[in-house]
C-alpha atoms as a PDB file:
ATOM      1  CA  MET A   1       3.685   4.322 169.207  1.00  0.00           C
ATOM      2  CA  ASN A   2       1.496   8.036 168.849  1.00  0.00           C
ATOM      3  CA  THR A   3      -1.337   7.485 171.142  1.00  0.00           C
ATOM      4  CA  THR A   4      -2.281  10.916 170.706  1.00  0.00           C
ATOM      5  CA  PRO A   5      -6.110  10.735 169.260  1.00  0.00           C
ATOM      6  CA  GLN A   6      -6.410  11.642 165.600  1.00  0.00           C
ATOM      7  CA  PRO A   7      -8.063  15.186 165.222  1.00  0.00           C
ATOM      8  CA  ASP A   8     -11.433  15.057 163.117  1.00  0.00           C
ATOM      9  CA  PRO A   9     -10.950  15.270 159.253  1.00  0.00           C
ATOM     10  CA  LYS A  10     -12.457  18.883 159.305  1.00  0.00           C
ATOM     11  CA  ASP A  11      -9.815  20.226 161.712  1.00  0.00           C
ATOM     12  CA  ARG A  12      -7.100  18.471 159.780  1.00  0.00           C
ATOM     13  CA  PRO A  13      -4.872  20.750 157.426  1.00  0.00           C
ATOM     14  CA  ALA A  14      -5.813  20.341 153.377  1.00  0.00           C
ATOM     15  CA  ARG A  15      -2.395  19.469 151.547  1.00  0.00           C
ATOM     16  CA  LEU A  16      -0.194  22.041 151.454  1.00  0.00           C
ATOM     17  CA  THR A  17       2.770  22.877 149.462  1.00  0.00           C
ATOM     18  CA  VAL A  18       5.453  22.934 151.944  1.00  0.00           C
ATOM     19  CA  GLY A  19       8.784  25.180 151.807  1.00  0.00           C
ATOM     20  CA  VAL A  20      11.697  24.997 153.874  1.00  0.00           C
ATOM     21  CA  VAL A  21      13.897  28.237 154.581  1.00  0.00           C
ATOM     22  CA  GLY A  22      16.861  26.846 156.150  1.00  0.00           C
ATOM     23  CA  ALA A  23      18.133  23.524 154.820  1.00  0.00           C
ATOM     24  CA  GLY A  24      19.600  22.298 158.309  1.00  0.00           C
ATOM     25  CA  ARG A  25      19.060  19.236 159.996  1.00  0.00           C
ATOM     26  CA  VAL A  26      16.074  19.842 160.988  1.00  0.00           C
ATOM     27  CA  GLY A  27      14.130  21.648 158.163  1.00  0.00           C
ATOM     28  CA  PRO A  28      14.662  19.047 155.560  1.00  0.00           C
ATOM     29  CA  ALA A  29      13.668  15.887 157.841  1.00  0.00           C
ATOM     30  CA  LEU A  30      10.391  17.779 158.939  1.00  0.00           C
ATOM     31  CA  ALA A  31       9.216  18.882 155.216  1.00  0.00           C
ATOM     32  CA  ALA A  32      10.373  14.829 154.253  1.00  0.00           C
ATOM     33  CA  SER A  33       7.788  13.407 156.913  1.00  0.00           C
ATOM     34  CA  LEU A  34       5.116  16.099 155.764  1.00  0.00           C
ATOM     35  CA  GLN A  35       5.600  14.451 152.651  1.00  0.00           C
ATOM     36  CA  LEU A  36       4.891  11.213 153.883  1.00  0.00           C
ATOM     37  CA  ALA A  37       1.552  12.482 155.406  1.00  0.00           C
ATOM     38  CA  GLY A  38       0.526  13.765 151.747  1.00  0.00           C
ATOM     39  CA  HIS A  39       1.782  17.076 151.409  1.00  0.00           C
ATOM     40  CA  ARG A  40       3.795  18.398 148.840  1.00  0.00           C
ATOM     41  CA  PRO A  41       7.611  19.735 149.266  1.00  0.00           C
ATOM     42  CA  VAL A  42       8.192  22.327 146.448  1.00  0.00           C
ATOM     43  CA  ALA A  43      10.910  24.619 146.946  1.00  0.00           C
ATOM     44  CA  VAL A  44      14.161  24.864 149.688  1.00  0.00           C
ATOM     45  CA  SER A  45      16.677  27.490 150.415  1.00  0.00           C
ATOM     46  CA  ALA A  46      20.128  26.055 151.204  1.00  0.00           C
ATOM     47  CA  VAL A  47      23.364  28.261 151.019  1.00  0.00           C
ATOM     48  CA  SER A  48      26.210  26.004 152.708  1.00  0.00           C
ATOM     49  CA  GLU A  49      27.289  22.846 150.321  1.00  0.00           C
ATOM     50  CA  ALA A  50      26.379  20.705 153.717  1.00  0.00           C
ATOM     51  CA  SER A  51      22.779  22.333 153.463  1.00  0.00           C
ATOM     52  CA  ARG A  52      22.497  21.295 149.901  1.00  0.00           C
ATOM     53  CA  ARG A  53      23.366  17.908 150.090  1.00  0.00           C
ATOM     54  CA  ARG A  54      21.156  17.384 153.066  1.00  0.00           C
ATOM     55  CA  ALA A  55      18.535  18.754 151.081  1.00  0.00           C
ATOM     56  CA  GLY A  56      19.302  16.818 147.908  1.00  0.00           C
ATOM     57  CA  GLN A  57      19.222  13.610 149.919  1.00  0.00           C
ATOM     58  CA  LEU A  58      15.858  14.472 151.951  1.00  0.00           C
ATOM     59  CA  LEU A  59      14.427  15.967 149.390  1.00  0.00           C
ATOM     60  CA  PRO A  60      14.926  14.921 146.307  1.00  0.00           C
ATOM     61  CA  ASP A  61      13.989  16.959 143.163  1.00  0.00           C
ATOM     62  CA  VAL A  62      13.148  19.774 145.112  1.00  0.00           C
ATOM     63  CA  PRO A  63      14.736  22.712 143.773  1.00  0.00           C
ATOM     64  CA  VAL A  64      16.877  25.203 145.635  1.00  0.00           C
ATOM     65  CA  MET A  65      16.192  29.023 145.864  1.00  0.00           C
ATOM     66  CA  PRO A  66      15.719  32.256 147.446  1.00  0.00           C
ATOM     67  CA  PRO A  67      13.994  32.621 150.723  1.00  0.00           C
ATOM     68  CA  ALA A  68      11.579  34.764 148.811  1.00  0.00           C
ATOM     69  CA  GLU A  69      10.951  32.371 146.018  1.00  0.00           C
ATOM     70  CA  VAL A  70      10.283  29.513 148.626  1.00  0.00           C
ATOM     71  CA  LEU A  71       7.759  31.918 150.309  1.00  0.00           C
ATOM     72  CA  GLN A  72       6.056  32.494 146.735  1.00  0.00           C
ATOM     73  CA  ARG A  73       5.673  29.029 146.003  1.00  0.00           C
ATOM     74  CA  SER A  74       4.301  27.642 149.859  1.00  0.00           C
ATOM     75  CA  ASP A  75       1.539  27.231 151.360  1.00  0.00           C
ATOM     76  CA  LEU A  76       3.031  26.220 154.709  1.00  0.00           C
ATOM     77  CA  VAL A  77       6.538  27.646 155.614  1.00  0.00           C
ATOM     78  CA  LEU A  78       9.189  25.811 157.550  1.00  0.00           C
ATOM     79  CA  LEU A  79      11.588  28.470 159.273  1.00  0.00           C
ATOM     80  CA  THR A  80      14.221  26.613 160.036  1.00  0.00           C
ATOM     81  CA  VAL A  81      17.075  28.799 160.798  1.00  0.00           C
ATOM     82  CA  PRO A  82      19.214  29.279 163.977  1.00  0.00           C
ATOM     83  CA  ASP A  83      17.594  30.691 166.966  1.00  0.00           C
ATOM     84  CA  ASP A  84      19.514  33.773 166.736  1.00  0.00           C
ATOM     85  CA  ALA A  85      18.883  34.476 163.492  1.00  0.00           C
ATOM     86  CA  LEU A  86      15.166  34.111 163.430  1.00  0.00           C
ATOM     87  CA  PRO A  87      13.934  37.571 164.096  1.00  0.00           C
ATOM     88  CA  GLY A  88      15.903  39.020 161.369  1.00  0.00           C
ATOM     89  CA  LEU A  89      14.876  36.525 158.980  1.00  0.00           C
ATOM     90  CA  VAL A  90      11.322  37.095 159.623  1.00  0.00           C
ATOM     91  CA  THR A  91      11.816  41.073 159.988  1.00  0.00           C
ATOM     92  CA  GLY A  92      13.655  40.553 156.468  1.00  0.00           C
ATOM     93  CA  LEU A  93      10.782  38.674 154.855  1.00  0.00           C
ATOM     94  CA  ALA A  94       7.919  40.738 155.992  1.00  0.00           C
ATOM     95  CA  ASP A  95       9.692  43.742 155.250  1.00  0.00           C
ATOM     96  CA  THR A  96      10.112  42.468 151.387  1.00  0.00           C
ATOM     97  CA  GLY A  97       6.623  41.620 151.272  1.00  0.00           C
ATOM     98  CA  SER A  98       7.109  38.359 150.827  1.00  0.00           C
ATOM     99  CA  VAL A  99       4.762  36.919 153.255  1.00  0.00           C
ATOM    100  CA  ARG A 100       1.576  36.175 151.573  1.00  0.00           C
ATOM    101  CA  PRO A 101      -1.730  36.494 153.729  1.00  0.00           C
ATOM    102  CA  GLY A 102      -3.047  33.078 154.812  1.00  0.00           C
ATOM    103  CA  GLN A 103       0.462  31.331 154.669  1.00  0.00           C
ATOM    104  CA  LEU A 104       1.131  29.134 157.633  1.00  0.00           C
ATOM    105  CA  LEU A 105       4.427  30.192 158.796  1.00  0.00           C
ATOM    106  CA  VAL A 106       6.240  27.541 161.130  1.00  0.00           C
ATOM    107  CA  HIS A 107       9.490  28.023 162.835  1.00  0.00           C
ATOM    108  CA  THR A 108      10.666  25.374 164.840  1.00  0.00           C
ATOM    109  CA  SER A 109      12.761  27.396 167.663  1.00  0.00           C
ATOM    110  CA  GLY A 110      12.683  25.921 171.198  1.00  0.00           C
ATOM    111  CA  ARG A 111      13.377  29.516 172.612  1.00  0.00           C
ATOM    112  CA  TYR A 112      10.927  31.511 170.850  1.00  0.00           C
ATOM    113  CA  GLY A 113       7.216  31.269 171.024  1.00  0.00           C
ATOM    114  CA  THR A 114       5.033  33.316 168.431  1.00  0.00           C
ATOM    115  CA  ARG A 115       5.721  36.543 169.234  1.00  0.00           C
ATOM    116  CA  VAL A 116       8.612  36.280 167.157  1.00  0.00           C
ATOM    117  CA  LEU A 117       6.601  35.685 164.371  1.00  0.00           C
ATOM    118  CA  ASP A 118       4.764  39.089 164.894  1.00  0.00           C
ATOM    119  CA  PRO A 119       5.904  40.981 161.611  1.00  0.00           C
ATOM    120  CA  ALA A 120       4.689  38.627 159.544  1.00  0.00           C
ATOM    121  CA  LEU A 121       1.481  37.928 161.453  1.00  0.00           C
ATOM    122  CA  ARG A 122       0.721  41.864 160.305  1.00  0.00           C
ATOM    123  CA  ALA A 123       1.441  40.821 156.925  1.00  0.00           C
ATOM    124  CA  GLY A 124      -1.202  38.257 157.028  1.00  0.00           C
ATOM    125  CA  ALA A 125       0.113  35.095 158.053  1.00  0.00           C
ATOM    126  CA  LEU A 126      -0.761  32.488 160.356  1.00  0.00           C
ATOM    127  CA  PRO A 127       1.854  32.079 163.067  1.00  0.00           C
ATOM    128  CA  LEU A 128       2.800  28.561 164.409  1.00  0.00           C
ATOM    129  CA  ALA A 129       5.613  27.014 166.769  1.00  0.00           C
ATOM    130  CA  LEU A 130       6.701  23.944 166.327  1.00  0.00           C
ATOM    131  CA  HIS A 131       9.511  22.539 168.120  1.00  0.00           C
ATOM    132  CA  PRO A 132      10.756  18.842 168.297  1.00  0.00           C
ATOM    133  CA  ALA A 133      11.939  17.861 171.199  1.00  0.00           C
ATOM    134  CA  MET A 134      14.891  15.708 169.303  1.00  0.00           C
ATOM    135  CA  THR A 135      18.595  15.749 168.205  1.00  0.00           C
ATOM    136  CA  PHE A 136      18.922  15.535 164.710  1.00  0.00           C
ATOM    137  CA  THR A 137      21.673  14.119 162.714  1.00  0.00           C
ATOM    138  CA  GLY A 138      20.403  15.251 158.878  1.00  0.00           C
ATOM    139  CA  THR A 139      20.136  11.987 157.526  1.00  0.00           C
ATOM    140  CA  PRO A 140      17.026   9.843 156.596  1.00  0.00           C
ATOM    141  CA  VAL A 141      17.090   7.959 160.378  1.00  0.00           C
ATOM    142  CA  ASP A 142      15.813  11.844 161.263  1.00  0.00           C
ATOM    143  CA  VAL A 143      12.390  11.223 159.904  1.00  0.00           C
ATOM    144  CA  GLN A 144      11.770   7.699 161.240  1.00  0.00           C
ATOM    145  CA  ARG A 145      13.086   9.277 164.817  1.00  0.00           C
ATOM    146  CA  LEU A 146       9.923  11.852 164.596  1.00  0.00           C
ATOM    147  CA  ALA A 147       7.389   8.709 165.343  1.00  0.00           C
ATOM    148  CA  GLY A 148       6.315   9.225 168.983  1.00  0.00           C
ATOM    149  CA  CYS A 149       8.626  12.555 169.392  1.00  0.00           C
ATOM    150  CA  SER A 150       7.550  15.626 171.656  1.00  0.00           C
ATOM    151  CA  PHE A 151       7.167  18.387 169.885  1.00  0.00           C
ATOM    152  CA  GLY A 152       6.453  21.877 172.068  1.00  0.00           C
ATOM    153  CA  VAL A 153       3.774  23.830 170.539  1.00  0.00           C
ATOM    154  CA  THR A 154       2.732  27.251 170.774  1.00  0.00           C
ATOM    155  CA  ALA A 155      -0.127  28.815 168.581  1.00  0.00           C
ATOM    156  CA  PRO A 156      -2.834  31.230 168.522  1.00  0.00           C
ATOM    157  CA  GLU A 157      -5.933  29.284 170.260  1.00  0.00           C
ATOM    158  CA  GLU A 158      -7.928  29.370 166.797  1.00  0.00           C
ATOM    159  CA  LEU A 159      -4.579  27.801 165.241  1.00  0.00           C
ATOM    160  CA  ARG A 160      -4.228  25.261 167.711  1.00  0.00           C
ATOM    161  CA  LEU A 161      -6.167  22.262 166.243  1.00  0.00           C
ATOM    162  CA  ALA A 162      -4.140  23.142 163.302  1.00  0.00           C
ATOM    163  CA  ALA A 163      -0.917  23.026 164.600  1.00  0.00           C
ATOM    164  CA  GLU A 164      -1.525  20.063 166.759  1.00  0.00           C
ATOM    165  CA  ALA A 165      -2.618  18.250 163.525  1.00  0.00           C
ATOM    166  CA  LEU A 166       0.675  18.895 161.182  1.00  0.00           C
ATOM    167  CA  VAL A 167       2.535  17.648 164.327  1.00  0.00           C
ATOM    168  CA  ILE A 168       0.379  14.142 164.640  1.00  0.00           C
ATOM    169  CA  GLU A 169       0.806  14.195 160.650  1.00  0.00           C
ATOM    170  CA  MET A 170       4.369  14.014 161.371  1.00  0.00           C
ATOM    171  CA  GLY A 171       4.135  11.359 163.778  1.00  0.00           C
ATOM    172  CA  GLY A 172       4.467  13.598 166.949  1.00  0.00           C
ATOM    173  CA  GLU A 173       2.813  14.147 170.209  1.00  0.00           C
ATOM    174  CA  PRO A 174       1.748  17.506 170.600  1.00  0.00           C
ATOM    175  CA  GLU A 175       3.041  19.408 173.922  1.00  0.00           C
ATOM    176  CA  TRP A 176       1.121  22.871 174.502  1.00  0.00           C
ATOM    177  CA  ILE A 177       4.004  25.070 175.682  1.00  0.00           C
ATOM    178  CA  ALA A 178       2.519  28.764 177.000  1.00  0.00           C
ATOM    179  CA  GLU A 179       4.210  31.733 175.106  1.00  0.00           C
ATOM    180  CA  GLU A 180       6.102  32.970 178.505  1.00  0.00           C
ATOM    181  CA  ASN A 181       7.278  29.537 179.317  1.00  0.00           C
ATOM    182  CA  ARG A 182       9.026  28.410 176.182  1.00  0.00           C
ATOM    183  CA  PRO A 183      12.789  30.002 177.323  1.00  0.00           C
ATOM    184  CA  LEU A 184      12.472  27.913 180.388  1.00  0.00           C
ATOM    185  CA  TYR A 185      10.944  24.770 178.328  1.00  0.00           C
ATOM    186  CA  HIS A 186      14.244  25.205 176.209  1.00  0.00           C
ATOM    187  CA  ALA A 187      16.669  25.561 178.735  1.00  0.00           C
ATOM    188  CA  ALA A 188      15.457  22.309 180.534  1.00  0.00           C
ATOM    189  CA  LEU A 189      16.030  20.277 177.285  1.00  0.00           C
ATOM    190  CA  ALA A 190      19.457  22.058 176.391  1.00  0.00           C
ATOM    191  CA  LEU A 191      19.976  20.756 179.924  1.00  0.00           C
ATOM    192  CA  GLY A 192      19.065  17.201 179.761  1.00  0.00           C
ATOM    193  CA  ALA A 193      20.185  16.527 175.835  1.00  0.00           C
ATOM    194  CA  ASN A 194      22.723  18.488 175.055  1.00  0.00           C
ATOM    195  CA  HIS A 195      24.984  18.847 178.211  1.00  0.00           C
ATOM    196  CA  LEU A 196      24.382  14.736 177.873  1.00  0.00           C
ATOM    197  CA  VAL A 197      26.654  14.647 174.765  1.00  0.00           C
ATOM    198  CA  THR A 198      29.090  16.874 176.061  1.00  0.00           C
ATOM    199  CA  LEU A 199      29.256  14.299 179.627  1.00  0.00           C
ATOM    200  CA  VAL A 200      29.387  11.511 177.576  1.00  0.00           C
ATOM    201  CA  ALA A 201      31.978  12.705 175.267  1.00  0.00           C
ATOM    202  CA  GLN A 202      33.966  13.307 178.344  1.00  0.00           C
ATOM    203  CA  SER A 203      33.455  10.130 179.722  1.00  0.00           C
ATOM    204  CA  MET A 204      34.711   8.210 176.585  1.00  0.00           C
ATOM    205  CA  GLU A 205      37.703  10.049 176.098  1.00  0.00           C
ATOM    206  CA  LEU A 206      38.545   9.134 180.286  1.00  0.00           C
ATOM    207  CA  LEU A 207      38.048   5.738 179.563  1.00  0.00           C
ATOM    208  CA  SER A 208      39.994   5.589 176.383  1.00  0.00           C
ATOM    209  CA  ALA A 209      42.997   7.079 178.519  1.00  0.00           C
ATOM    210  CA  ALA A 210      42.359   4.580 180.982  1.00  0.00           C
ATOM    211  CA  GLY A 211      43.426   1.652 178.798  1.00  0.00           C
ATOM    212  CA  VAL A 212      39.561   0.922 177.957  1.00  0.00           C
ATOM    213  CA  SER A 213      39.430  -0.724 174.111  1.00  0.00           C
ATOM    214  CA  ALA A 214      35.894   0.056 173.439  1.00  0.00           C
ATOM    215  CA  PRO A 215      34.433   3.074 175.660  1.00  0.00           C
ATOM    216  CA  ASP A 216      30.945   3.162 173.822  1.00  0.00           C
ATOM    217  CA  ARG A 217      30.351  -0.701 174.386  1.00  0.00           C
ATOM    218  CA  MET A 218      30.952  -0.221 178.196  1.00  0.00           C
ATOM    219  CA  LEU A 219      29.023   2.885 178.357  1.00  0.00           C
ATOM    220  CA  GLY A 220      25.957   1.653 176.642  1.00  0.00           C
ATOM    221  CA  PRO A 221      24.598  -0.514 179.220  1.00  0.00           C
ATOM    222  CA  LEU A 222      25.373   1.613 181.951  1.00  0.00           C
ATOM    223  CA  LEU A 223      24.289   4.578 180.640  1.00  0.00           C
ATOM    224  CA  GLY A 224      21.027   3.288 179.225  1.00  0.00           C
ATOM    225  CA  ALA A 225      20.241   2.088 182.391  1.00  0.00           C
ATOM    226  CA  ALA A 226      20.759   4.930 184.448  1.00  0.00           C
ATOM    227  CA  LEU A 227      18.565   6.892 181.737  1.00  0.00           C
ATOM    228  CA  ASP A 228      16.083   4.438 182.194  1.00  0.00           C
ATOM    229  CA  ASN A 229      15.930   4.311 185.883  1.00  0.00           C
ATOM    230  CA  ALA A 230      16.292   8.580 185.882  1.00  0.00           C
ATOM    231  CA  LEU A 231      12.681   8.898 183.462  1.00  0.00           C
ATOM    232  CA  ARG A 232      11.189   6.216 186.043  1.00  0.00           C
ATOM    233  CA  SER A 233      12.222   7.097 189.421  1.00  0.00           C
ATOM    234  CA  GLY A 234      13.738  10.620 189.482  1.00  0.00           C
ATOM    235  CA  ASP A 235      16.215  11.732 192.004  1.00  0.00           C
ATOM    236  CA  SER A 236      15.427   8.159 193.487  1.00  0.00           C
ATOM    237  CA  ALA A 237      17.724   6.592 190.984  1.00  0.00           C
ATOM    238  CA  LEU A 238      21.028   8.883 192.326  1.00  0.00           C
ATOM    239  CA  THR A 239      23.694   6.104 193.210  1.00  0.00           C
ATOM    240  CA  GLY A 240      27.229   6.533 193.290  1.00  0.00           C
ATOM    241  CA  PRO A 241      30.272   7.896 195.649  1.00  0.00           C
ATOM    242  CA  VAL A 242      28.299  11.211 195.567  1.00  0.00           C
ATOM    243  CA  ALA A 243      25.031   9.961 196.841  1.00  0.00           C
ATOM    244  CA  ARG A 244      26.483   7.637 199.159  1.00  0.00           C
ATOM    245  CA  GLY A 245      29.013  10.393 200.612  1.00  0.00           C
ATOM    246  CA  ASP A 246      32.248   8.690 199.579  1.00  0.00           C
ATOM    247  CA  ALA A 247      34.434  11.612 199.921  1.00  0.00           C
ATOM    248  CA  GLY A 248      37.539   9.673 199.802  1.00  0.00           C
ATOM    249  CA  THR A 249      36.794   8.530 196.477  1.00  0.00           C
ATOM    250  CA  VAL A 250      35.560  12.012 195.355  1.00  0.00           C
ATOM    251  CA  ALA A 251      38.553  13.454 196.311  1.00  0.00           C
ATOM    252  CA  ALA A 252      40.374  10.538 194.228  1.00  0.00           C
ATOM    253  CA  HIS A 253      38.505  11.416 190.829  1.00  0.00           C
ATOM    254  CA  VAL A 254      39.312  14.966 191.015  1.00  0.00           C
ATOM    255  CA  THR A 255      43.061  14.211 191.693  1.00  0.00           C
ATOM    256  CA  GLU A 256      42.909  12.005 188.605  1.00  0.00           C
ATOM    257  CA  LEU A 257      41.241  14.305 186.710  1.00  0.00           C
ATOM    258  CA  ARG A 258      43.137  17.679 187.441  1.00  0.00           C
ATOM    259  CA  ARG A 259      46.057  15.001 186.482  1.00  0.00           C
ATOM    260  CA  HIS A 260      44.689  13.424 183.191  1.00  0.00           C
ATOM    261  CA  ALA A 261      41.941  16.140 181.759  1.00  0.00           C
ATOM    262  CA  PRO A 262      42.201  19.483 184.157  1.00  0.00           C
ATOM    263  CA  GLN A 263      39.739  20.430 181.444  1.00  0.00           C
ATOM    264  CA  THR A 264      36.806  17.957 182.603  1.00  0.00           C
ATOM    265  CA  VAL A 265      37.601  19.106 186.520  1.00  0.00           C
ATOM    266  CA  ASP A 266      35.229  22.248 186.889  1.00  0.00           C
ATOM    267  CA  GLY A 267      32.161  20.260 185.379  1.00  0.00           C
ATOM    268  CA  TYR A 268      32.844  17.408 187.280  1.00  0.00           C
ATOM    269  CA  LEU A 269      32.717  19.637 190.574  1.00  0.00           C
ATOM    270  CA  ALA A 270      29.737  21.459 189.656  1.00  0.00           C
ATOM    271  CA  MET A 271      27.588  18.150 188.826  1.00  0.00           C
ATOM    272  CA  ALA A 272      28.840  16.409 191.997  1.00  0.00           C
ATOM    273  CA  ARG A 273      27.574  19.551 193.986  1.00  0.00           C
ATOM    274  CA  ALA A 274      24.100  19.317 192.153  1.00  0.00           C
ATOM    275  CA  THR A 275      24.320  15.827 193.251  1.00  0.00           C
ATOM    276  CA  ALA A 276      24.881  15.800 196.349  1.00  0.00           C
ATOM    277  CA  ASP A 277      22.223  19.156 196.562  1.00  0.00           C
ATOM    278  CA  ARG A 278      19.666  16.701 195.213  1.00  0.00           C
ATOM    279  CA  ALA A 279      21.026  13.443 197.493  1.00  0.00           C
ATOM    280  CA  LEU A 280      20.236  15.713 200.468  1.00  0.00           C
ATOM    281  CA  ALA A 281      16.973  17.153 199.939  1.00  0.00           C
ATOM    282  CA  HIS A 282      15.792  13.421 198.935  1.00  0.00           C
ATOM    283  CA  GLY A 283      17.658  11.869 201.942  1.00  0.00           C
ATOM    284  CA  LEU A 284      20.068   9.611 200.111  1.00  0.00           C
ATOM    285  CA  LEU A 285      22.868  11.392 201.257  1.00  0.00           C
ATOM    286  CA  LYS A 286      23.333  11.140 204.910  1.00  0.00           C
ATOM    287  CA  PRO A 287      24.016  14.768 207.029  1.00  0.00           C
ATOM    288  CA  GLU A 288      26.525  12.991 208.537  1.00  0.00           C
ATOM    289  CA  LEU A 289      27.997  11.914 205.201  1.00  0.00           C
ATOM    290  CA  ALA A 290      27.801  15.316 203.505  1.00  0.00           C
ATOM    291  CA  GLU A 291      30.457  17.466 205.269  1.00  0.00           C
ATOM    292  CA  ASP A 292      33.419  15.587 204.497  1.00  0.00           C
ATOM    293  CA  LEU A 293      32.055  15.592 200.769  1.00  0.00           C
ATOM    294  CA  LEU A 294      31.353  18.833 200.598  1.00  0.00           C
ATOM    295  CA  GLY A 295      34.885  19.851 202.054  1.00  0.00           C
ATOM    296  CA  VAL A 296      36.181  17.833 199.226  1.00  0.00           C
ATOM    297  CA  LEU A 297      33.573  19.340 196.698  1.00  0.00           C
ATOM    298  CA  ALA A 298      35.044  22.833 197.730  1.00  0.00           C
ATOM    299  CA  HIS A 299      38.793  22.032 197.698  1.00  0.00           C
ATOM    300  CA  GLY A 300      38.987  19.205 195.705  1.00  0.00           C
ATOM    301  CA  THR A 301      41.051  17.025 198.601  1.00  0.00           C
ATOM    302  CA  ASP A 302      39.646  14.909 201.157  1.00  0.00           C
ATOM    303  CA  GLY A 303      39.565  17.737 203.438  1.00  0.00           C
ATOM    304  CA  THR A 304      42.168  16.476 206.070  1.00  0.00           C
ATOM    305  CA  ASP A 305      45.661  16.610 205.031  1.00  0.00           C
ATOM    306  CA  GLY A 306      45.355  18.400 201.975  1.00  0.00           C
ATOM    307  CA  THR A 307      46.044  15.042 200.012  1.00  0.00           C
ATOM    308  CA  GLU A 308      43.825  12.991 197.727  1.00  0.00           C
ATOM    309  CA  GLY A 309      41.229  10.586 199.515  1.00  0.00           C
ATOM    310  CA  ASP A 310      41.629   6.369 198.435  1.00  0.00           C
ATOM    311  CA  ALA A 311      39.691   5.176 195.835  1.00  0.00           C
ATOM    312  CA  ARG A 312      36.856   2.807 197.048  1.00  0.00           C
END
C-alpha cells in the first residue's frame, strides 16, 4: 500500500506523451504503469524479436520506431537500456540533435544519478534518475509489482517534486539517493537481490541431487521465513551451523559440496566466512567455538586429522 502523501495537484506532472528507448523488461512496464495514471505512451524502440514481443504485450498499438523518432514524439522519454550502454546512448542522442529543450529524460539505471545525462542537459533536457528496486519478468505482472515498490530517485532540486510525483503515479515509493551514493546504493541491491537468485538456484539444484522431488515447495516456507526474520531483526535472525559454531557440520557440508557440486564450494565458504564474522560481532557465535569453525572455513576440513567432520 502506498503511504506516501500525494503531491499537491499543482506539483503533479501534466498528462505527458511517453516514449521508451530500450524495450527490455523495465521500460514497457513503467510506460504501461504511467498509462494507467493517465499519461499516453506514443512510441517505443525495440531491436530484438523478444523486445518487440514485450512491447506488443505491454504497450499494444504503440508503434515501434528508431530512438530519434521516439524522442521527437515524446514529452517524457524512458531510457531503459543496460547500464554500460547508457552513457553512449545519451551522448549519441544529444550529438544528433534528438533531444528537445524542456523534454523530461528519465533513465532507470541504479548505478547512475543524473550526471550521466549531462550531454542531454546541455541540449535543454530535464534530467531524472528513477530506479525501481524491483526485479522484472517482462510480463504484465511487473505492472502490479510496482505497487509499493521503492524507487531510488535522483534529480536536480527544482525537479524533485516532479520526479517524486511520477514515482507515486506509478504506485511506487520515492527514496531520495544522493548522486555520489548511487553506486553504493546499486551495489547493495545487487548483493541482496541478484545474489539471492544464485543462492536459491544452487540450493534447488542440490536438493534435487539429494533426491528431493519438489525443491521449490521445500524451500518456499523456509526462505520466506528467513527473509521475513532478516528484514525484521537483521543479524539477530542468524541461525544454522555457522552461527552455532558447528565446525563438524560445516566441514561435512564442504566435503559433500566438493563431491557433488564443486562449483558451489567457493561461494559457500565465502558466505560462511561472512556469516561467521557477523555472528561473532553480534555475540551469536561463541568465541571458543569460532577458532575451530574458522579453521574449517580456511581448509574445508574439521582441522584435526584432515578428514571431514560428522554432520549433526
